[in-house]
């Protein structure tokens, strides 16, 4: 059994496969996650994302990042949001997947049917506006964007079964929410752990409106 790493009173992290860990967890309030996008079905079958999310004991508000070129992995969403990365040129990620595209979808479940465009700059190397939060992860998402999604769940406990560099955890801490994060790769788990520890050490909450004041939102529907 994988032992959790407790950080403070409200953060619990697991280094392991979420497929194994999720059945051992209590019910959570919401999911905000960025699954690894499939490139080769033998390495990462799309169906496995749905299997993971079905294993989550949640009330089922959820935001799931998912690229435009793949079908929905979790069933038809209630709403499909668009992340417009607000930078004219995006390199592809180190893995060669579609993370470098100008737009990505954010699938929403259990949070209403209104669709929106979120204009938030992507995290890319050598872009000054993002340099402060840049982590060595090929598909890192901006804290400002993830904080907007997390705030909308109104959830006390947020789960990210694909934690990566820990952005959802940072956003949860800034919003005063509890966080459970799971990451399979030890390298990224350590990055996320250290990043979340630094955030906890700040000992303060951020006003989500102030934190995302440069983010513009445009209604589609």
N, C-alpha and C. Protein backbone atom coordinates (compact mmCIF):
# COMPACT_ATOMS: atom_id res chain seq x y z
N UNK A 1 0.84 -1.20 0.00
CA UNK A 1 0.00 0.00 0.00
C UNK A 1 0.88 1.25 0.00
N UNK A 2 0.52 2.23 -0.84
CA UNK A 2 1.30 3.46 -0.93
C UNK A 2 0.91 4.40 0.19
N UNK A 3 1.90 4.82 0.95
CA UNK A 3 1.65 5.71 2.07
C UNK A 3 1.55 7.16 1.58
N UNK A 4 0.58 7.91 2.05
CA UNK A 4 0.44 9.30 1.63
C UNK A 4 1.49 10.19 2.27
N UNK A 5 1.76 11.29 1.62
CA UNK A 5 2.62 12.34 2.17
C UNK A 5 1.70 13.48 2.59
N UNK A 6 1.69 13.79 3.89
CA UNK A 6 0.84 14.85 4.41
C UNK A 6 1.64 16.14 4.50
N UNK A 7 1.09 17.20 3.95
CA UNK A 7 1.70 18.53 4.03
C UNK A 7 0.70 19.45 4.71
N UNK A 8 1.03 19.86 5.92
CA UNK A 8 0.09 20.66 6.67
C UNK A 8 -1.16 19.87 7.00
N UNK A 9 -2.25 20.57 7.24
CA UNK A 9 -3.50 19.91 7.63
C UNK A 9 -4.38 19.55 6.44
N UNK A 10 -4.15 20.18 5.30
CA UNK A 10 -5.13 20.08 4.22
C UNK A 10 -4.60 19.55 2.90
N UNK A 11 -3.36 19.08 2.86
CA UNK A 11 -2.80 18.57 1.60
C UNK A 11 -2.31 17.14 1.80
N UNK A 12 -2.75 16.26 0.91
CA UNK A 12 -2.33 14.87 0.92
C UNK A 12 -1.86 14.49 -0.48
N UNK A 13 -0.63 13.97 -0.58
CA UNK A 13 -0.06 13.62 -1.87
C UNK A 13 0.30 12.14 -1.91
N UNK A 14 0.15 11.55 -3.09
CA UNK A 14 0.50 10.15 -3.30
C UNK A 14 1.41 10.05 -4.52
N UNK A 15 2.51 9.31 -4.37
CA UNK A 15 3.38 9.01 -5.50
C UNK A 15 3.08 7.58 -5.94
N UNK A 16 2.32 7.45 -7.01
CA UNK A 16 1.93 6.13 -7.47
C UNK A 16 0.91 6.24 -8.58
N UNK A 17 0.40 5.12 -9.03
CA UNK A 17 -0.57 5.06 -10.12
C UNK A 17 -1.96 5.35 -9.57
N UNK A 18 -2.63 6.34 -10.15
CA UNK A 18 -3.94 6.71 -9.64
C UNK A 18 -4.96 5.58 -9.76
N UNK A 19 -4.76 4.69 -10.71
CA UNK A 19 -5.68 3.56 -10.85
C UNK A 19 -5.66 2.68 -9.60
N UNK A 20 -4.50 2.57 -8.98
CA UNK A 20 -4.37 1.78 -7.76
C UNK A 20 -4.79 2.55 -6.51
N UNK A 21 -4.56 3.86 -6.52
CA UNK A 21 -4.77 4.66 -5.31
C UNK A 21 -6.22 5.11 -5.14
N UNK A 22 -6.89 5.43 -6.23
CA UNK A 22 -8.23 5.99 -6.13
C UNK A 22 -9.20 5.12 -5.33
N UNK A 23 -9.20 3.79 -5.49
CA UNK A 23 -10.15 2.99 -4.70
C UNK A 23 -9.94 3.07 -3.20
N UNK A 24 -8.78 3.54 -2.77
CA UNK A 24 -8.49 3.62 -1.34
C UNK A 24 -8.87 4.97 -0.73
N UNK A 25 -9.29 5.92 -1.55
CA UNK A 25 -9.54 7.27 -1.07
C UNK A 25 -10.99 7.45 -0.63
N UNK A 26 -11.22 8.37 0.31
CA UNK A 26 -12.59 8.72 0.67
C UNK A 26 -13.21 9.58 -0.42
N UNK A 27 -14.47 9.91 -0.26
CA UNK A 27 -15.16 10.76 -1.22
C UNK A 27 -14.56 12.16 -1.23
N UNK A 28 -14.41 12.73 -2.41
CA UNK A 28 -13.94 14.10 -2.55
C UNK A 28 -15.08 14.94 -3.12
N UNK A 29 -14.86 16.26 -3.11
CA UNK A 29 -15.92 17.17 -3.55
C UNK A 29 -15.88 17.47 -5.04
N UNK A 30 -14.68 17.49 -5.63
CA UNK A 30 -14.57 17.87 -7.03
C UNK A 30 -13.23 17.41 -7.59
N UNK A 31 -13.17 17.35 -8.92
CA UNK A 31 -11.96 16.96 -9.64
C UNK A 31 -11.57 18.08 -10.59
N UNK A 32 -10.32 18.49 -10.53
CA UNK A 32 -9.75 19.41 -11.52
C UNK A 32 -8.45 18.77 -11.99
N UNK A 33 -8.38 18.37 -13.25
CA UNK A 33 -7.24 17.56 -13.66
C UNK A 33 -6.88 17.77 -15.13
N UNK A 34 -5.65 17.46 -15.44
CA UNK A 34 -5.11 17.55 -16.79
C UNK A 34 -4.47 16.20 -17.12
N UNK A 35 -5.27 15.23 -17.60
CA UNK A 35 -4.71 13.90 -17.87
C UNK A 35 -3.66 13.95 -18.97
N UNK A 36 -2.75 13.00 -18.97
CA UNK A 36 -1.82 12.90 -20.09
C UNK A 36 -2.57 12.58 -21.37
N UNK A 37 -2.34 13.36 -22.39
CA UNK A 37 -3.08 13.17 -23.63
C UNK A 37 -2.56 11.96 -24.39
N UNK A 38 -3.44 11.18 -24.97
CA UNK A 38 -2.99 9.99 -25.69
C UNK A 38 -2.25 10.36 -26.97
N UNK A 39 -1.21 9.64 -27.25
CA UNK A 39 -0.51 9.77 -28.51
C UNK A 39 -0.53 8.44 -29.21
N UNK A 40 -0.12 7.42 -28.48
CA UNK A 40 -0.22 6.04 -28.95
C UNK A 40 -1.11 5.27 -27.99
N UNK A 41 -2.10 4.62 -28.53
CA UNK A 41 -3.07 3.93 -27.68
C UNK A 41 -2.44 2.80 -26.86
N UNK A 42 -1.31 2.26 -27.34
CA UNK A 42 -0.68 1.19 -26.57
C UNK A 42 0.02 1.74 -25.34
N UNK A 43 0.38 3.03 -25.38
CA UNK A 43 1.06 3.64 -24.23
C UNK A 43 0.06 4.28 -23.27
N UNK A 44 -0.97 4.91 -23.82
CA UNK A 44 -1.93 5.58 -22.96
C UNK A 44 -3.31 5.52 -23.60
N UNK A 45 -4.04 4.43 -23.41
CA UNK A 45 -5.37 4.31 -24.02
C UNK A 45 -6.33 5.38 -23.52
N UNK A 46 -7.07 5.98 -24.42
CA UNK A 46 -8.03 7.01 -24.03
C UNK A 46 -9.03 6.48 -23.01
N UNK A 47 -9.42 5.23 -23.14
CA UNK A 47 -10.41 4.64 -22.23
C UNK A 47 -9.93 4.64 -20.79
N UNK A 48 -8.61 4.64 -20.58
CA UNK A 48 -8.11 4.58 -19.22
C UNK A 48 -8.42 5.85 -18.44
N UNK A 49 -8.54 6.99 -19.12
CA UNK A 49 -8.91 8.23 -18.43
C UNK A 49 -10.31 8.10 -17.86
N UNK A 50 -11.23 7.59 -18.65
CA UNK A 50 -12.60 7.40 -18.19
C UNK A 50 -12.64 6.41 -17.04
N UNK A 51 -11.84 5.35 -17.12
CA UNK A 51 -11.79 4.36 -16.04
C UNK A 51 -11.32 5.00 -14.74
N UNK A 52 -10.32 5.87 -14.85
CA UNK A 52 -9.81 6.55 -13.66
C UNK A 52 -10.88 7.45 -13.06
N UNK A 53 -11.52 8.27 -13.88
CA UNK A 53 -12.48 9.22 -13.35
C UNK A 53 -13.72 8.53 -12.81
N UNK A 54 -14.08 7.40 -13.37
CA UNK A 54 -15.21 6.64 -12.81
C UNK A 54 -14.88 6.10 -11.43
N UNK A 55 -13.58 5.90 -11.15
CA UNK A 55 -13.17 5.37 -9.85
C UNK A 55 -13.15 6.43 -8.76
N UNK A 56 -13.28 7.69 -9.17
CA UNK A 56 -13.26 8.77 -8.18
C UNK A 56 -14.57 8.81 -7.42
N UNK A 57 -14.48 8.82 -6.11
CA UNK A 57 -15.67 8.95 -5.27
C UNK A 57 -15.95 10.44 -5.08
N UNK A 58 -16.66 11.03 -6.00
CA UNK A 58 -16.90 12.47 -5.97
C UNK A 58 -18.37 12.78 -6.17
N UNK A 59 -18.75 13.97 -5.79
CA UNK A 59 -20.10 14.45 -6.07
C UNK A 59 -20.22 14.79 -7.56
N UNK A 60 -19.10 14.77 -8.23
CA UNK A 60 -18.94 14.88 -9.66
C UNK A 60 -18.99 16.28 -10.26
N UNK A 61 -18.66 17.34 -9.60
CA UNK A 61 -18.22 18.50 -10.35
C UNK A 61 -16.80 18.21 -10.83
N UNK A 62 -16.53 18.47 -12.09
CA UNK A 62 -15.20 18.17 -12.61
C UNK A 62 -14.86 19.06 -13.80
N UNK A 63 -13.59 19.47 -13.86
CA UNK A 63 -13.03 20.09 -15.04
C UNK A 63 -11.89 19.19 -15.52
N UNK A 64 -11.89 18.85 -16.81
CA UNK A 64 -10.87 17.97 -17.37
C UNK A 64 -10.31 18.62 -18.63
N UNK A 65 -9.01 18.92 -18.63
CA UNK A 65 -8.37 19.42 -19.85
C UNK A 65 -8.31 18.29 -20.87
N UNK A 66 -8.64 18.62 -22.12
CA UNK A 66 -8.59 17.60 -23.16
C UNK A 66 -8.45 18.27 -24.53
N UNK A 67 -7.52 17.79 -25.38
CA UNK A 67 -7.25 18.49 -26.64
C UNK A 67 -8.37 18.32 -27.65
N UNK A 68 -8.38 19.19 -28.64
CA UNK A 68 -9.48 19.24 -29.60
C UNK A 68 -9.48 18.07 -30.58
N UNK A 69 -8.38 17.36 -30.69
CA UNK A 69 -8.30 16.33 -31.73
C UNK A 69 -8.73 14.95 -31.25
N UNK A 70 -9.11 14.82 -29.98
CA UNK A 70 -9.53 13.52 -29.46
C UNK A 70 -10.98 13.58 -28.99
N UNK A 71 -11.67 12.45 -29.09
CA UNK A 71 -13.03 12.36 -28.59
C UNK A 71 -13.05 12.50 -27.07
N UNK A 72 -14.25 12.74 -26.54
CA UNK A 72 -14.39 12.89 -25.10
C UNK A 72 -14.04 11.59 -24.39
N UNK A 73 -13.15 11.66 -23.37
CA UNK A 73 -12.77 10.43 -22.68
C UNK A 73 -13.72 10.07 -21.54
N UNK A 74 -14.58 10.99 -21.15
CA UNK A 74 -15.36 10.81 -19.92
C UNK A 74 -16.86 10.91 -20.18
N UNK A 75 -17.27 10.60 -21.39
CA UNK A 75 -18.66 10.77 -21.72
C UNK A 75 -18.93 12.21 -22.16
N UNK A 76 -20.13 12.48 -22.68
CA UNK A 76 -20.46 13.81 -23.18
C UNK A 76 -20.50 14.80 -22.01
N UNK A 77 -19.72 15.87 -22.08
CA UNK A 77 -19.70 16.83 -20.97
C UNK A 77 -20.95 17.71 -20.98
N UNK A 78 -21.21 18.34 -19.84
CA UNK A 78 -22.30 19.31 -19.76
C UNK A 78 -21.96 20.58 -20.51
N UNK A 79 -20.68 20.94 -20.48
CA UNK A 79 -20.22 22.14 -21.19
C UNK A 79 -18.79 21.91 -21.65
N UNK A 80 -18.43 22.58 -22.74
CA UNK A 80 -17.06 22.52 -23.26
C UNK A 80 -16.53 23.94 -23.31
N UNK A 81 -15.53 24.20 -22.50
CA UNK A 81 -14.89 25.51 -22.49
C UNK A 81 -13.66 25.48 -23.40
N UNK A 82 -13.20 26.65 -23.79
CA UNK A 82 -12.03 26.77 -24.63
C UNK A 82 -10.98 27.60 -23.91
N UNK A 83 -9.78 27.04 -23.79
CA UNK A 83 -8.64 27.80 -23.29
C UNK A 83 -7.91 28.37 -24.49
N UNK A 84 -7.99 29.69 -24.64
CA UNK A 84 -7.24 30.39 -25.67
C UNK A 84 -5.95 30.87 -25.02
N UNK A 85 -4.83 30.38 -25.50
CA UNK A 85 -3.57 30.58 -24.79
C UNK A 85 -2.97 31.98 -24.94
N UNK A 86 -3.56 32.79 -25.78
CA UNK A 86 -3.25 34.23 -25.82
C UNK A 86 -1.82 34.56 -26.22
N UNK A 87 -1.13 33.64 -26.86
CA UNK A 87 0.20 33.90 -27.37
C UNK A 87 0.20 33.45 -28.82
N UNK A 88 0.70 34.27 -29.76
CA UNK A 88 0.58 33.93 -31.17
C UNK A 88 1.24 32.63 -31.59
N UNK A 89 2.39 32.30 -31.02
CA UNK A 89 3.13 31.12 -31.46
C UNK A 89 3.38 30.21 -30.27
N UNK A 90 3.06 28.94 -30.43
CA UNK A 90 3.28 27.96 -29.36
C UNK A 90 4.10 26.80 -29.90
N UNK A 91 5.25 26.53 -29.28
CA UNK A 91 5.98 25.32 -29.69
C UNK A 91 5.24 24.09 -29.21
N UNK A 92 5.42 22.98 -29.89
CA UNK A 92 4.89 21.72 -29.38
C UNK A 92 5.68 21.32 -28.15
N UNK A 93 5.07 20.50 -27.33
CA UNK A 93 5.74 20.05 -26.12
C UNK A 93 6.87 19.10 -26.46
N UNK A 94 7.66 18.77 -25.46
CA UNK A 94 8.79 17.87 -25.65
C UNK A 94 8.35 16.49 -26.11
N UNK A 95 7.11 16.12 -25.81
CA UNK A 95 6.62 14.80 -26.21
C UNK A 95 6.04 14.79 -27.61
N UNK A 96 5.98 15.98 -28.24
CA UNK A 96 5.47 16.04 -29.59
C UNK A 96 3.95 15.98 -29.67
N UNK A 97 3.25 16.15 -28.54
CA UNK A 97 1.80 16.06 -28.60
C UNK A 97 1.19 17.44 -28.90
N UNK A 98 -0.11 17.56 -28.71
CA UNK A 98 -0.81 18.76 -29.15
C UNK A 98 -0.85 19.85 -28.09
N UNK A 99 -0.06 19.73 -27.04
CA UNK A 99 -0.12 20.71 -25.96
C UNK A 99 0.32 22.09 -26.43
N UNK A 100 1.02 22.15 -27.56
CA UNK A 100 1.47 23.44 -28.06
C UNK A 100 0.45 24.18 -28.90
N UNK A 101 -0.73 23.64 -29.14
CA UNK A 101 -1.72 24.28 -29.97
C UNK A 101 -2.25 25.56 -29.32
N UNK A 102 -2.80 26.44 -30.14
CA UNK A 102 -3.31 27.72 -29.67
C UNK A 102 -4.50 27.56 -28.72
N UNK A 103 -5.28 26.49 -28.91
CA UNK A 103 -6.49 26.27 -28.12
C UNK A 103 -6.48 24.87 -27.51
N UNK A 104 -7.09 24.75 -26.34
CA UNK A 104 -7.39 23.45 -25.76
C UNK A 104 -8.80 23.49 -25.19
N UNK A 105 -9.44 22.34 -25.14
CA UNK A 105 -10.75 22.25 -24.52
C UNK A 105 -10.62 21.97 -23.03
N UNK A 106 -11.62 22.44 -22.29
CA UNK A 106 -11.77 22.08 -20.89
C UNK A 106 -13.17 21.53 -20.74
N UNK A 107 -13.26 20.24 -20.47
CA UNK A 107 -14.55 19.58 -20.36
C UNK A 107 -15.10 19.78 -18.95
N UNK A 108 -16.36 20.13 -18.86
CA UNK A 108 -16.98 20.42 -17.57
C UNK A 108 -18.13 19.46 -17.32
N UNK A 109 -18.16 18.90 -16.12
CA UNK A 109 -19.20 17.95 -15.72
C UNK A 109 -19.83 18.41 -14.41
N UNK A 110 -21.14 18.50 -14.38
CA UNK A 110 -21.84 18.82 -13.15
C UNK A 110 -21.71 20.25 -12.69
N UNK A 111 -21.39 21.17 -13.62
CA UNK A 111 -21.17 22.57 -13.24
C UNK A 111 -21.93 23.53 -14.15
N UNK A 112 -23.03 23.08 -14.70
CA UNK A 112 -23.83 23.94 -15.56
C UNK A 112 -23.46 23.81 -17.02
N UNK A 113 -24.29 24.39 -17.88
CA UNK A 113 -24.16 24.21 -19.32
C UNK A 113 -23.54 25.42 -20.03
N UNK A 114 -23.22 26.48 -19.32
CA UNK A 114 -22.64 27.66 -19.96
C UNK A 114 -21.21 27.38 -20.39
N UNK A 115 -20.91 27.67 -21.65
CA UNK A 115 -19.55 27.48 -22.18
C UNK A 115 -18.85 28.83 -22.26
N UNK A 116 -17.56 28.83 -22.02
CA UNK A 116 -16.80 30.08 -22.02
C UNK A 116 -15.45 29.91 -22.70
N UNK A 117 -14.88 31.05 -23.06
CA UNK A 117 -13.49 31.10 -23.51
C UNK A 117 -12.66 31.72 -22.39
N UNK A 118 -11.60 31.04 -22.00
CA UNK A 118 -10.67 31.56 -21.00
C UNK A 118 -9.41 32.00 -21.71
N UNK A 119 -9.09 33.28 -21.65
CA UNK A 119 -7.88 33.80 -22.28
C UNK A 119 -6.80 33.97 -21.22
N UNK A 120 -5.91 33.00 -21.17
CA UNK A 120 -4.83 33.00 -20.19
C UNK A 120 -3.56 32.57 -20.91
N UNK A 121 -2.49 33.29 -20.74
CA UNK A 121 -1.24 32.96 -21.42
C UNK A 121 -0.73 31.59 -21.00
N UNK A 122 -0.21 30.84 -21.95
CA UNK A 122 0.35 29.52 -21.67
C UNK A 122 1.69 29.65 -20.96
N UNK A 123 2.10 28.57 -20.31
CA UNK A 123 3.40 28.51 -19.65
C UNK A 123 4.39 27.94 -20.65
N UNK A 124 5.22 28.78 -21.21
CA UNK A 124 6.22 28.30 -22.16
C UNK A 124 7.58 28.90 -21.81
N UNK A 125 8.67 28.21 -22.14
CA UNK A 125 10.01 28.74 -21.85
C UNK A 125 10.25 30.07 -22.55
N UNK A 126 11.02 30.92 -21.90
CA UNK A 126 11.46 32.20 -22.48
C UNK A 126 10.33 33.19 -22.69
N UNK A 127 9.21 32.98 -22.03
CA UNK A 127 8.13 33.96 -22.08
C UNK A 127 8.09 34.66 -20.73
N UNK A 128 8.42 35.94 -20.74
CA UNK A 128 8.70 36.66 -19.49
C UNK A 128 7.54 36.62 -18.51
N UNK A 129 6.31 36.72 -19.01
CA UNK A 129 5.16 36.78 -18.11
C UNK A 129 4.97 35.50 -17.32
N UNK A 130 5.52 34.39 -17.81
CA UNK A 130 5.34 33.09 -17.17
C UNK A 130 6.59 32.58 -16.46
N UNK A 131 7.68 33.31 -16.59
CA UNK A 131 8.97 32.79 -16.12
C UNK A 131 8.95 32.45 -14.63
N UNK A 132 8.22 33.22 -13.84
CA UNK A 132 8.25 33.03 -12.39
C UNK A 132 7.66 31.69 -11.98
N UNK A 133 6.65 31.21 -12.69
CA UNK A 133 6.02 29.95 -12.29
C UNK A 133 6.39 28.78 -13.18
N UNK A 134 7.30 28.97 -14.12
CA UNK A 134 7.69 27.89 -15.03
C UNK A 134 8.32 26.73 -14.28
N UNK A 135 7.83 25.51 -14.56
CA UNK A 135 8.37 24.29 -13.98
C UNK A 135 8.83 23.36 -15.10
N UNK A 136 9.74 22.44 -14.81
CA UNK A 136 10.22 21.53 -15.86
C UNK A 136 9.22 20.42 -16.18
N UNK A 137 8.06 20.83 -16.65
CA UNK A 137 7.02 19.87 -17.03
C UNK A 137 6.51 20.26 -18.41
N UNK A 138 6.39 19.31 -19.34
CA UNK A 138 6.09 19.66 -20.73
C UNK A 138 4.69 20.21 -20.99
N UNK A 139 3.74 19.97 -20.09
CA UNK A 139 2.37 20.44 -20.34
C UNK A 139 1.81 21.20 -19.14
N UNK A 140 2.63 21.98 -18.49
CA UNK A 140 2.20 22.73 -17.31
C UNK A 140 1.11 23.73 -17.66
N UNK A 141 0.11 23.84 -16.79
CA UNK A 141 -0.97 24.80 -16.95
C UNK A 141 -0.76 26.00 -16.02
N UNK A 142 -1.26 27.19 -16.40
CA UNK A 142 -1.09 28.38 -15.57
C UNK A 142 -1.90 28.30 -14.28
N UNK A 143 -1.34 28.78 -13.18
CA UNK A 143 -2.08 28.81 -11.92
C UNK A 143 -3.35 29.65 -12.06
N UNK A 144 -3.26 30.77 -12.77
CA UNK A 144 -4.43 31.65 -12.91
C UNK A 144 -5.61 30.91 -13.53
N UNK A 145 -5.35 30.10 -14.54
CA UNK A 145 -6.42 29.36 -15.20
C UNK A 145 -6.99 28.28 -14.29
N UNK A 146 -6.12 27.50 -13.67
CA UNK A 146 -6.58 26.42 -12.81
C UNK A 146 -7.30 26.97 -11.58
N UNK A 147 -6.87 28.13 -11.11
CA UNK A 147 -7.55 28.76 -9.97
C UNK A 147 -8.98 29.17 -10.34
N UNK A 148 -9.17 29.67 -11.56
CA UNK A 148 -10.52 30.01 -12.00
C UNK A 148 -11.42 28.80 -11.99
N UNK A 149 -10.91 27.69 -12.50
CA UNK A 149 -11.71 26.47 -12.54
C UNK A 149 -11.98 25.95 -11.13
N UNK A 150 -10.95 25.93 -10.31
CA UNK A 150 -11.09 25.43 -8.94
C UNK A 150 -12.10 26.26 -8.16
N UNK A 151 -12.04 27.57 -8.30
CA UNK A 151 -12.97 28.44 -7.58
C UNK A 151 -14.41 28.16 -7.97
N UNK A 152 -14.65 27.82 -9.23
CA UNK A 152 -16.01 27.60 -9.70
C UNK A 152 -16.62 26.31 -9.19
N UNK A 153 -15.81 25.37 -8.75
CA UNK A 153 -16.38 24.14 -8.20
C UNK A 153 -17.05 24.36 -6.85
N UNK A 154 -16.65 25.40 -6.13
CA UNK A 154 -17.16 25.68 -4.77
C UNK A 154 -16.90 24.51 -3.83
N UNK A 155 -15.91 23.71 -4.15
CA UNK A 155 -15.66 22.47 -3.39
C UNK A 155 -14.67 22.70 -2.26
N UNK A 156 -14.87 21.98 -1.17
CA UNK A 156 -13.94 22.06 -0.05
C UNK A 156 -12.68 21.24 -0.29
N UNK A 157 -12.82 20.10 -0.98
CA UNK A 157 -11.69 19.22 -1.25
C UNK A 157 -11.58 18.98 -2.74
N UNK A 158 -10.40 19.27 -3.29
CA UNK A 158 -10.14 19.12 -4.72
C UNK A 158 -9.20 17.93 -4.92
N UNK A 159 -9.52 17.09 -5.89
CA UNK A 159 -8.66 15.97 -6.25
C UNK A 159 -8.08 16.18 -7.64
N UNK A 160 -6.78 15.92 -7.79
CA UNK A 160 -6.14 15.86 -9.09
C UNK A 160 -5.42 14.52 -9.21
N UNK A 161 -5.99 13.55 -9.94
CA UNK A 161 -5.36 12.24 -10.04
C UNK A 161 -4.16 12.21 -10.99
N UNK A 162 -3.95 13.30 -11.73
CA UNK A 162 -2.78 13.44 -12.61
C UNK A 162 -2.08 14.75 -12.25
N UNK A 163 -1.42 14.77 -11.11
CA UNK A 163 -0.97 16.01 -10.49
C UNK A 163 0.11 16.75 -11.27
N UNK A 164 0.98 16.02 -11.98
CA UNK A 164 2.04 16.68 -12.73
C UNK A 164 2.93 17.51 -11.82
N UNK A 165 3.10 18.79 -12.18
CA UNK A 165 3.97 19.67 -11.39
C UNK A 165 3.24 20.35 -10.24
N UNK A 166 1.98 19.98 -10.00
CA UNK A 166 1.29 20.44 -8.79
C UNK A 166 0.50 21.72 -8.91
N UNK A 167 0.18 22.15 -10.13
CA UNK A 167 -0.51 23.42 -10.30
C UNK A 167 -1.88 23.45 -9.62
N UNK A 168 -2.64 22.36 -9.72
CA UNK A 168 -3.95 22.32 -9.07
C UNK A 168 -3.81 22.44 -7.56
N UNK A 169 -2.76 21.83 -7.01
CA UNK A 169 -2.51 21.95 -5.58
C UNK A 169 -2.21 23.37 -5.17
N UNK A 170 -1.41 24.07 -5.95
CA UNK A 170 -1.09 25.47 -5.66
C UNK A 170 -2.36 26.31 -5.70
N UNK A 171 -3.18 26.09 -6.74
CA UNK A 171 -4.42 26.85 -6.84
C UNK A 171 -5.35 26.57 -5.66
N UNK A 172 -5.45 25.31 -5.26
CA UNK A 172 -6.31 24.95 -4.14
C UNK A 172 -5.86 25.63 -2.85
N UNK A 173 -4.57 25.64 -2.62
CA UNK A 173 -4.03 26.28 -1.41
C UNK A 173 -4.36 27.77 -1.41
N UNK A 174 -4.17 28.41 -2.55
CA UNK A 174 -4.43 29.86 -2.63
C UNK A 174 -5.89 30.20 -2.40
N UNK A 175 -6.77 29.24 -2.69
CA UNK A 175 -8.19 29.46 -2.51
C UNK A 175 -8.70 28.92 -1.18
N UNK A 176 -7.80 28.39 -0.35
CA UNK A 176 -8.20 27.89 0.95
C UNK A 176 -8.91 26.55 0.91
N UNK A 177 -8.67 25.74 -0.13
CA UNK A 177 -9.31 24.44 -0.25
C UNK A 177 -8.34 23.33 0.18
N UNK A 178 -8.87 22.19 0.55
CA UNK A 178 -8.05 21.01 0.78
C UNK A 178 -7.72 20.37 -0.56
N UNK A 179 -6.60 19.64 -0.61
CA UNK A 179 -6.14 19.10 -1.88
C UNK A 179 -5.61 17.69 -1.71
N UNK A 180 -6.00 16.82 -2.65
CA UNK A 180 -5.44 15.48 -2.75
C UNK A 180 -4.84 15.35 -4.14
N UNK A 181 -3.54 15.05 -4.21
CA UNK A 181 -2.88 14.93 -5.49
C UNK A 181 -2.20 13.59 -5.66
N UNK A 182 -2.25 13.05 -6.88
CA UNK A 182 -1.63 11.77 -7.20
C UNK A 182 -0.75 11.96 -8.44
N UNK A 183 0.48 11.49 -8.37
CA UNK A 183 1.38 11.58 -9.52
C UNK A 183 2.22 10.31 -9.61
N UNK A 184 2.26 9.72 -10.78
CA UNK A 184 2.93 8.45 -10.99
C UNK A 184 4.44 8.59 -11.13
N UNK A 185 4.90 9.68 -11.76
CA UNK A 185 6.32 9.85 -12.03
C UNK A 185 7.02 10.47 -10.82
N UNK A 186 8.00 9.77 -10.23
CA UNK A 186 8.69 10.31 -9.05
C UNK A 186 9.31 11.69 -9.29
N UNK A 187 9.83 11.92 -10.48
CA UNK A 187 10.43 13.22 -10.79
C UNK A 187 9.43 14.34 -10.62
N UNK A 188 8.25 14.19 -11.21
CA UNK A 188 7.25 15.24 -11.13
C UNK A 188 6.59 15.29 -9.76
N UNK A 189 6.47 14.14 -9.11
CA UNK A 189 5.94 14.14 -7.75
C UNK A 189 6.81 15.01 -6.85
N UNK A 190 8.12 14.86 -6.95
CA UNK A 190 9.02 15.65 -6.12
C UNK A 190 8.91 17.14 -6.44
N UNK A 191 8.79 17.47 -7.73
CA UNK A 191 8.62 18.87 -8.12
C UNK A 191 7.34 19.43 -7.52
N UNK A 192 6.25 18.66 -7.63
CA UNK A 192 4.97 19.11 -7.09
C UNK A 192 5.03 19.26 -5.57
N UNK A 193 5.63 18.31 -4.91
CA UNK A 193 5.73 18.36 -3.45
C UNK A 193 6.48 19.61 -3.00
N UNK A 194 7.62 19.87 -3.61
CA UNK A 194 8.41 21.05 -3.22
C UNK A 194 7.68 22.34 -3.56
N UNK A 195 7.00 22.35 -4.67
CA UNK A 195 6.27 23.55 -5.07
C UNK A 195 5.11 23.82 -4.11
N UNK A 196 4.39 22.79 -3.72
CA UNK A 196 3.29 22.95 -2.78
C UNK A 196 3.80 23.34 -1.40
N UNK A 197 4.92 22.76 -1.00
CA UNK A 197 5.52 23.15 0.28
C UNK A 197 5.87 24.63 0.30
N UNK A 198 6.40 25.13 -0.80
CA UNK A 198 6.72 26.57 -0.87
C UNK A 198 5.46 27.40 -0.77
N UNK A 199 4.39 26.95 -1.40
CA UNK A 199 3.13 27.68 -1.35
C UNK A 199 2.56 27.69 0.07
N UNK A 200 2.62 26.56 0.74
CA UNK A 200 2.14 26.49 2.12
C UNK A 200 2.95 27.38 3.04
N UNK A 201 4.24 27.50 2.75
CA UNK A 201 5.12 28.32 3.60
C UNK A 201 4.77 29.80 3.53
N UNK A 202 4.08 30.21 2.46
CA UNK A 202 3.69 31.61 2.35
C UNK A 202 2.67 31.98 3.42
N UNK A 203 1.86 31.00 3.81
CA UNK A 203 0.93 31.20 4.91
C UNK A 203 -0.12 32.25 4.67
N UNK A 204 -0.58 32.39 3.43
CA UNK A 204 -1.61 33.38 3.15
C UNK A 204 -2.54 32.88 2.07
N UNK A 205 -3.75 33.45 2.04
CA UNK A 205 -4.70 33.14 1.00
C UNK A 205 -4.72 34.29 0.00
N UNK A 206 -5.03 33.98 -1.23
CA UNK A 206 -5.12 34.96 -2.29
C UNK A 206 -6.58 35.20 -2.64
N UNK A 207 -6.90 36.43 -2.96
CA UNK A 207 -8.23 36.73 -3.49
C UNK A 207 -8.27 36.22 -4.92
N UNK A 208 -9.15 35.26 -5.24
CA UNK A 208 -9.16 34.71 -6.59
C UNK A 208 -9.40 35.76 -7.66
N UNK A 209 -10.18 36.81 -7.34
CA UNK A 209 -10.42 37.87 -8.31
C UNK A 209 -9.14 38.66 -8.56
N UNK A 210 -8.39 38.91 -7.51
CA UNK A 210 -7.13 39.62 -7.66
C UNK A 210 -6.10 38.75 -8.37
N UNK A 211 -6.08 37.46 -8.03
CA UNK A 211 -5.10 36.54 -8.60
C UNK A 211 -5.29 36.39 -10.10
N UNK A 212 -6.50 36.55 -10.57
CA UNK A 212 -6.79 36.33 -11.98
C UNK A 212 -7.26 37.61 -12.67
N UNK A 213 -6.85 38.77 -12.16
CA UNK A 213 -7.36 40.03 -12.67
C UNK A 213 -7.00 40.30 -14.12
N UNK A 214 -5.91 39.66 -14.61
CA UNK A 214 -5.52 39.86 -15.99
C UNK A 214 -6.18 38.84 -16.93
N UNK A 215 -7.01 37.98 -16.38
CA UNK A 215 -7.69 36.96 -17.18
C UNK A 215 -9.02 37.52 -17.71
N UNK A 216 -9.21 37.44 -19.00
CA UNK A 216 -10.46 37.86 -19.61
C UNK A 216 -11.30 36.63 -19.91
N UNK A 217 -12.61 36.74 -19.70
CA UNK A 217 -13.51 35.64 -19.97
C UNK A 217 -14.60 36.13 -20.93
N UNK A 218 -14.87 35.37 -21.97
CA UNK A 218 -15.89 35.75 -22.96
C UNK A 218 -16.89 34.61 -23.07
N UNK A 219 -18.17 34.92 -22.88
CA UNK A 219 -19.19 33.88 -22.98
C UNK A 219 -19.39 33.45 -24.44
N UNK A 220 -19.52 32.15 -24.64
CA UNK A 220 -19.86 31.61 -25.95
C UNK A 220 -21.34 31.32 -26.03
N UNK A 221 -21.89 30.79 -24.94
CA UNK A 221 -23.31 30.40 -24.93
C UNK A 221 -23.97 30.99 -23.68
